[in-house]
Amino acid sequence: MPRVLRAAVDADRDTVLTWRNHPDVRAVSLTTHVISPEEHAKWWEAAMGDPRRHILIFDDKGVVIFDLREDPPSWSFYLDVAGLGGTLLATWMRLEQAAVRYAFDELGLERLGGETLATNAQVLALHRRFGFRETKRYERLIDGTPQTVVWTERVREH
């Protein structure tokens, strides 16, 4: 059965927070603190109410977030690290394939970009595998420490 993306619903909110607060996810995120239920609920309500943001659930094993408020639009994702065990890499690959297809086919985007910590070599390699190219690097304070962030982009194939 193919892996699918579906629109998130309010019943997904607490599950997505659990995935996001996993220590392994926080360690490679641009915001590393434990997100409180109140902080998450505020973000969720704003994102769900904005037609320029899309929160999608991947096969009940991860979340993909598209932000069309930016130029180019950006995306991010994270997975149910605790629940996936040895299938994490294979699930990452299926999620990225589905997300790229959704961005260009369903959302009709011409370009898609995203931020990744330079230390997150696995995700950068995965992005390269799916046609994303590094376009810039910059410093960002994360927990008070300067970190290098890599911006990668992919353009629609015609």
C-alpha atoms as a PDB file:
ATOM      1  CA  MET A   1       0.000   0.000   0.000  1.00  0.00           C
ATOM      2  CA  PRO A   2       1.512   3.389  -0.949  1.00  0.00           C
ATOM      3  CA  ARG A   3       2.309   5.952   1.708  1.00  0.00           C
ATOM      4  CA  VAL A   4       0.038   8.971   1.613  1.00  0.00           C
ATOM      5  CA  LEU A   5      -0.239  12.527   2.830  1.00  0.00           C
ATOM      6  CA  ARG A   6      -3.507  13.733   4.276  1.00  0.00           C
ATOM      7  CA  ALA A   7      -4.603  17.059   5.689  1.00  0.00           C
ATOM      8  CA  ALA A   8      -4.091  17.242   9.430  1.00  0.00           C
ATOM      9  CA  VAL A   9      -7.148  17.536  11.636  1.00  0.00           C
ATOM     10  CA  ASP A  10      -7.442  18.811  15.184  1.00  0.00           C
ATOM     11  CA  ALA A  11      -7.348  15.234  16.495  1.00  0.00           C
ATOM     12  CA  ASP A  12      -3.712  15.076  15.231  1.00  0.00           C
ATOM     13  CA  ARG A  13      -2.550  18.053  17.310  1.00  0.00           C
ATOM     14  CA  ASP A  14      -1.338  16.201  20.411  1.00  0.00           C
ATOM     15  CA  THR A  15       0.297  13.415  18.374  1.00  0.00           C
ATOM     16  CA  VAL A  16       2.229  15.961  16.315  1.00  0.00           C
ATOM     17  CA  LEU A  17       3.399  17.652  19.529  1.00  0.00           C
ATOM     18  CA  THR A  18       4.640  14.307  20.877  1.00  0.00           C
ATOM     19  CA  TRP A  19       6.611  13.700  17.671  1.00  0.00           C
ATOM     20  CA  ARG A  20       8.021  17.249  17.712  1.00  0.00           C
ATOM     21  CA  ASN A  21       9.118  17.053  21.357  1.00  0.00           C
ATOM     22  CA  HIS A  22      11.082  13.816  20.945  1.00  0.00           C
ATOM     23  CA  PRO A  23      14.694  14.553  21.996  1.00  0.00           C
ATOM     24  CA  ASP A  24      16.108  13.356  18.647  1.00  0.00           C
ATOM     25  CA  VAL A  25      13.783  15.686  16.724  1.00  0.00           C
ATOM     26  CA  ARG A  26      14.510  18.651  18.996  1.00  0.00           C
ATOM     27  CA  ALA A  27      18.263  18.048  18.666  1.00  0.00           C
ATOM     28  CA  VAL A  28      18.170  18.769  14.919  1.00  0.00           C
ATOM     29  CA  SER A  29      15.534  21.504  15.022  1.00  0.00           C
ATOM     30  CA  LEU A  30      15.932  25.259  14.858  1.00  0.00           C
ATOM     31  CA  THR A  31      13.939  25.467  18.093  1.00  0.00           C
ATOM     32  CA  THR A  32      15.195  22.913  20.590  1.00  0.00           C
ATOM     33  CA  HIS A  33      13.225  23.577  23.774  1.00  0.00           C
ATOM     34  CA  VAL A  34      10.389  21.313  24.842  1.00  0.00           C
ATOM     35  CA  ILE A  35       7.279  22.900  23.373  1.00  0.00           C
ATOM     36  CA  SER A  36       4.462  23.236  25.893  1.00  0.00           C
ATOM     37  CA  PRO A  37       0.940  22.136  25.027  1.00  0.00           C
ATOM     38  CA  GLU A  38      -0.145  25.798  25.224  1.00  0.00           C
ATOM     39  CA  GLU A  39       2.590  26.994  22.842  1.00  0.00           C
ATOM     40  CA  HIS A  40       1.793  24.186  20.423  1.00  0.00           C
ATOM     41  CA  ALA A  41      -1.972  24.835  20.575  1.00  0.00           C
ATOM     42  CA  LYS A  42      -1.402  28.504  19.718  1.00  0.00           C
ATOM     43  CA  TRP A  43       0.835  27.614  16.744  1.00  0.00           C
ATOM     44  CA  TRP A  44      -1.565  24.863  15.609  1.00  0.00           C
ATOM     45  CA  GLU A  45      -4.580  27.166  15.638  1.00  0.00           C
ATOM     46  CA  ALA A  46      -2.740  29.871  13.681  1.00  0.00           C
ATOM     47  CA  ALA A  47      -1.351  27.402  11.127  1.00  0.00           C
ATOM     48  CA  MET A  48      -4.608  25.498  10.650  1.00  0.00           C
ATOM     49  CA  GLY A  49      -6.475  28.775  10.136  1.00  0.00           C
ATOM     50  CA  ASP A  50      -4.079  30.103   7.498  1.00  0.00           C
ATOM     51  CA  PRO A  51      -4.694  28.924   3.910  1.00  0.00           C
ATOM     52  CA  ARG A  52      -1.042  29.692   3.110  1.00  0.00           C
ATOM     53  CA  ARG A  53       0.114  26.985   5.530  1.00  0.00           C
ATOM     54  CA  HIS A  54      -0.508  23.283   5.061  1.00  0.00           C
ATOM     55  CA  ILE A  55      -0.041  20.706   7.791  1.00  0.00           C
ATOM     56  CA  LEU A  56      -0.103  17.197   6.363  1.00  0.00           C
ATOM     57  CA  ILE A  57       0.144  13.853   8.111  1.00  0.00           C
ATOM     58  CA  PHE A  58       2.262  11.219   6.403  1.00  0.00           C
ATOM     59  CA  ASP A  59       0.841   7.729   6.889  1.00  0.00           C
ATOM     60  CA  ASP A  60       0.293   8.497  10.589  1.00  0.00           C
ATOM     61  CA  LYS A  61       4.079   8.322  11.002  1.00  0.00           C
ATOM     62  CA  GLY A  62       5.139  11.919  10.422  1.00  0.00           C
ATOM     63  CA  VAL A  63       4.151  15.463   9.584  1.00  0.00           C
ATOM     64  CA  VAL A  64       4.983  17.731   6.651  1.00  0.00           C
ATOM     65  CA  ILE A  65       4.469  21.473   6.928  1.00  0.00           C
ATOM     66  CA  PHE A  66       4.388  23.758   3.891  1.00  0.00           C
ATOM     67  CA  ASP A  67       4.586  27.523   4.393  1.00  0.00           C
ATOM     68  CA  LEU A  68       3.482  29.441   1.321  1.00  0.00           C
ATOM     69  CA  ARG A  69       3.841  32.832   3.039  1.00  0.00           C
ATOM     70  CA  GLU A  70       7.474  32.934   1.997  1.00  0.00           C
ATOM     71  CA  ASP A  71       9.177  33.317  -1.390  1.00  0.00           C
ATOM     72  CA  PRO A  72      10.109  30.677  -2.182  1.00  0.00           C
ATOM     73  CA  PRO A  73       7.658  28.616  -0.162  1.00  0.00           C
ATOM     74  CA  SER A  74       9.335  26.486   2.472  1.00  0.00           C
ATOM     75  CA  TRP A  75       8.756  23.125   4.022  1.00  0.00           C
ATOM     76  CA  SER A  76       9.748  21.158   7.077  1.00  0.00           C
ATOM     77  CA  PHE A  77       8.990  17.725   8.428  1.00  0.00           C
ATOM     78  CA  TYR A  78       9.546  15.365  11.294  1.00  0.00           C
ATOM     79  CA  LEU A  79       8.714  11.787  12.024  1.00  0.00           C
ATOM     80  CA  ASP A  80       7.505   9.579  14.840  1.00  0.00           C
ATOM     81  CA  VAL A  81      11.088   8.743  15.802  1.00  0.00           C
ATOM     82  CA  ALA A  82      10.063   6.671  18.813  1.00  0.00           C
ATOM     83  CA  GLY A  83       7.558   4.579  16.868  1.00  0.00           C
ATOM     84  CA  LEU A  84       9.540   3.901  13.707  1.00  0.00           C
ATOM     85  CA  GLY A  85      12.586   2.110  15.047  1.00  0.00           C
ATOM     86  CA  GLY A  86      14.557   0.434  12.249  1.00  0.00           C
ATOM     87  CA  THR A  87      12.276   1.767   9.515  1.00  0.00           C
ATOM     88  CA  LEU A  88      13.200   5.422  10.103  1.00  0.00           C
ATOM     89  CA  LEU A  89      15.391   5.937   7.005  1.00  0.00           C
ATOM     90  CA  ALA A  90      12.994   4.153   4.651  1.00  0.00           C
ATOM     91  CA  THR A  91      10.097   6.210   6.038  1.00  0.00           C
ATOM     92  CA  TRP A  92      12.104   9.452   5.623  1.00  0.00           C
ATOM     93  CA  MET A  93      12.662   8.584   1.979  1.00  0.00           C
ATOM     94  CA  ARG A  94       8.997   7.815   1.323  1.00  0.00           C
ATOM     95  CA  LEU A  95       7.936  10.967   3.154  1.00  0.00           C
ATOM     96  CA  GLU A  96      10.297  13.180   1.155  1.00  0.00           C
ATOM     97  CA  GLN A  97       9.173  11.634  -2.130  1.00  0.00           C
ATOM     98  CA  ALA A  98       5.509  12.186  -1.238  1.00  0.00           C
ATOM     99  CA  ALA A  99       6.149  15.727   0.012  1.00  0.00           C
ATOM    100  CA  VAL A 100       8.033  16.789  -3.127  1.00  0.00           C
ATOM    101  CA  ARG A 101       5.307  15.336  -5.319  1.00  0.00           C
ATOM    102  CA  TYR A 102       2.634  17.118  -3.271  1.00  0.00           C
ATOM    103  CA  ALA A 103       4.470  20.465  -3.386  1.00  0.00           C
ATOM    104  CA  PHE A 104       4.786  20.496  -7.147  1.00  0.00           C
ATOM    105  CA  ASP A 105       1.720  18.531  -8.246  1.00  0.00           C
ATOM    106  CA  GLU A 106      -0.920  19.437  -5.654  1.00  0.00           C
ATOM    107  CA  LEU A 107       0.223  22.887  -4.549  1.00  0.00           C
ATOM    108  CA  GLY A 108       1.561  23.822  -7.988  1.00  0.00           C
ATOM    109  CA  LEU A 109       4.779  25.305  -6.635  1.00  0.00           C
ATOM    110  CA  GLU A 110       7.633  26.292  -8.948  1.00  0.00           C
ATOM    111  CA  ARG A 111      10.267  26.314  -6.161  1.00  0.00           C
ATOM    112  CA  LEU A 112      10.479  24.830  -2.696  1.00  0.00           C
ATOM    113  CA  GLY A 113      13.085  25.558  -0.039  1.00  0.00           C
ATOM    114  CA  GLY A 114      13.936  24.628   3.494  1.00  0.00           C
ATOM    115  CA  GLU A 115      16.353  25.093   6.366  1.00  0.00           C
ATOM    116  CA  THR A 116      18.538  22.345   7.797  1.00  0.00           C
ATOM    117  CA  LEU A 117      21.282  22.555  10.382  1.00  0.00           C
ATOM    118  CA  ALA A 118      24.666  22.028   8.725  1.00  0.00           C
ATOM    119  CA  THR A 119      25.378  19.337  11.325  1.00  0.00           C
ATOM    120  CA  ASN A 120      22.359  17.314  10.136  1.00  0.00           C
ATOM    121  CA  ALA A 121      24.273  15.482   7.419  1.00  0.00           C
ATOM    122  CA  GLN A 122      21.669  12.716   7.020  1.00  0.00           C
ATOM    123  CA  VAL A 123      18.844  15.091   6.113  1.00  0.00           C
ATOM    124  CA  LEU A 124      21.091  17.162   3.837  1.00  0.00           C
ATOM    125  CA  ALA A 125      22.079  13.983   2.004  1.00  0.00           C
ATOM    126  CA  LEU A 126      18.430  12.964   1.733  1.00  0.00           C
ATOM    127  CA  HIS A 127      17.525  16.372   0.288  1.00  0.00           C
ATOM    128  CA  ARG A 128      20.322  16.083  -2.297  1.00  0.00           C
ATOM    129  CA  ARG A 129      19.031  12.664  -3.264  1.00  0.00           C
ATOM    130  CA  PHE A 130      15.640  14.220  -4.013  1.00  0.00           C
ATOM    131  CA  GLY A 131      17.017  17.047  -6.131  1.00  0.00           C
ATOM    132  CA  PHE A 132      17.445  19.807  -3.567  1.00  0.00           C
ATOM    133  CA  ARG A 133      20.543  21.980  -3.970  1.00  0.00           C
ATOM    134  CA  GLU A 134      22.269  24.126  -1.389  1.00  0.00           C
ATOM    135  CA  THR A 135      21.841  27.807  -2.259  1.00  0.00           C
ATOM    136  CA  LYS A 136      23.181  29.505   0.871  1.00  0.00           C
ATOM    137  CA  ARG A 137      24.500  29.095   4.391  1.00  0.00           C
ATOM    138  CA  TYR A 138      24.025  31.474   7.278  1.00  0.00           C
ATOM    139  CA  GLU A 139      24.413  31.654  11.030  1.00  0.00           C
ATOM    140  CA  ARG A 140      21.485  31.507  13.409  1.00  0.00           C
ATOM    141  CA  LEU A 141      21.432  31.559  17.194  1.00  0.00           C
ATOM    142  CA  ILE A 142      20.072  28.308  18.571  1.00  0.00           C
ATOM    143  CA  ASP A 143      19.952  28.050  22.344  1.00  0.00           C
ATOM    144  CA  GLY A 144      22.294  31.055  22.423  1.00  0.00           C
ATOM    145  CA  THR A 145      24.938  29.369  20.276  1.00  0.00           C
ATOM    146  CA  PRO A 146      25.634  30.341  16.650  1.00  0.00           C
ATOM    147  CA  GLN A 147      24.816  27.434  14.347  1.00  0.00           C
ATOM    148  CA  THR A 148      25.247  27.150  10.589  1.00  0.00           C
ATOM    149  CA  VAL A 149      21.975  26.692   8.715  1.00  0.00           C
ATOM    150  CA  VAL A 150      21.870  25.380   5.146  1.00  0.00           C
ATOM    151  CA  TRP A 151      19.114  26.593   2.827  1.00  0.00           C
ATOM    152  CA  THR A 152      18.294  24.071   0.106  1.00  0.00           C
ATOM    153  CA  GLU A 153      15.949  24.511  -2.831  1.00  0.00           C
ATOM    154  CA  ARG A 154      14.408  22.438  -5.539  1.00  0.00           C
ATOM    155  CA  VAL A 155      12.659  23.675  -8.654  1.00  0.00           C
ATOM    156  CA  ARG A 156       9.776  22.066 -10.463  1.00  0.00           C
ATOM    157  CA  GLU A 157      10.809  19.728 -13.275  1.00  0.00           C
ATOM    158  CA  HIS A 158       9.000  20.556 -16.513  1.00  0.00           C
END
